[in-house]
Protein backbone atom coordinates (compact mmCIF):
# COMPACT_ATOMS: atom_id res chain seq x y z
CA MET A 1 -22.48 6.69 -6.75
CA LYS A 2 -24.04 3.15 -7.90
CA LEU A 3 -21.33 2.31 -10.02
CA LEU A 4 -18.84 2.50 -7.79
CA ARG A 5 -20.52 0.26 -5.18
CA THR A 6 -20.81 -1.71 -8.04
CA VAL A 7 -17.34 -2.18 -8.70
CA LEU A 8 -16.57 -2.59 -5.62
CA MET A 9 -18.75 -5.60 -4.74
CA LEU A 10 -17.35 -7.28 -8.51
CA ILE A 11 -14.05 -7.13 -6.68
CA LEU A 12 -14.44 -7.99 -3.30
CA ILE A 13 -16.06 -10.85 -5.05
CA ALA A 14 -13.00 -11.31 -7.45
CA SER A 15 -10.35 -10.75 -5.14
CA PRO A 16 -10.20 -14.95 -4.03
CA LEU A 17 -9.51 -16.25 -7.33
CA LEU A 18 -7.14 -13.88 -8.28
CA HIS A 19 -4.98 -15.59 -5.10
CA VAL A 20 -5.32 -18.81 -6.33
CA ARG A 21 -2.17 -20.57 -7.26
CA GLY A 22 -3.05 -22.92 -10.16
CA ALA A 23 -5.55 -26.19 -9.83
CA LEU A 24 -4.09 -29.37 -8.43
CA ALA A 25 -3.71 -31.92 -11.05
CA GLN A 26 -6.08 -35.21 -9.62
CA VAL A 27 -2.87 -38.10 -9.92
CA PRO A 28 -4.16 -40.89 -10.73
CA PRO A 29 -3.62 -44.26 -8.16
CA HIS A 30 0.45 -45.09 -8.75
CA PRO A 31 3.21 -47.04 -7.07
CA PRO A 32 5.59 -44.36 -5.38
CA GLY A 33 8.15 -43.27 -7.21
CA SER A 34 6.37 -43.32 -10.74
CA ILE A 35 5.36 -40.36 -10.89
CA CYS A 36 7.53 -37.02 -10.90
CA PHE A 37 5.74 -33.79 -9.07
CA THR A 38 7.48 -30.05 -9.10
CA HIS A 39 5.77 -26.46 -8.32
CA GLN A 40 3.02 -26.33 -10.89
CA PHE A 41 2.17 -30.42 -12.19
CA TRP A 42 3.49 -34.04 -12.97
CA CYS A 43 4.39 -35.83 -15.55
CA TRP A 44 4.96 -39.91 -15.20
CA ALA A 45 8.75 -40.90 -14.03
CA SER A 46 10.94 -42.03 -16.18
CA PRO A 47 12.68 -44.08 -15.73
CA PRO A 48 10.85 -44.68 -11.94
CA GLY A 49 12.87 -45.01 -8.88
CA LYS A 50 12.83 -44.13 -5.25
CA ALA A 51 10.16 -42.08 -4.43
CA GLY A 52 11.93 -38.37 -2.93
CA THR A 53 14.45 -38.57 -5.95
CA PRO A 54 14.92 -35.65 -8.73
CA CYS A 55 13.17 -35.75 -11.46
CA SER A 56 12.56 -33.59 -14.53
CA CYS A 57 9.86 -33.28 -16.40
CA PRO A 58 9.39 -32.59 -20.20
CA THR A 59 7.73 -29.26 -21.26
CA PRO A 60 8.05 -27.04 -24.50
CA TYR A 61 9.94 -25.09 -23.57
CA GLY A 62 12.35 -26.96 -21.99
CA TRP A 63 12.74 -29.19 -19.09
CA VAL A 64 10.89 -28.37 -15.70
CA ARG A 65 12.95 -30.51 -11.85
CA GLY A 66 10.76 -32.05 -9.76
CA GLN A 67 11.11 -34.85 -6.76
CA LEU A 68 9.54 -38.18 -7.66
CA GLY A 69 6.63 -39.69 -5.93
């Protein structure tokens, strides 16, 4: 019974951690349109453009679409 109570307490404590979508990266100060934001990360825009314009960030698995901000 004590083991069950301990397991339930660990699940209760750990459950909020399981729902975290991912850490948000700290974005440095930048002029508008110089950073491409994706759902999970950001990269420097090359070339920069108007904020809100579609863009892409390179990854080892290919390009990920985002939006300039």
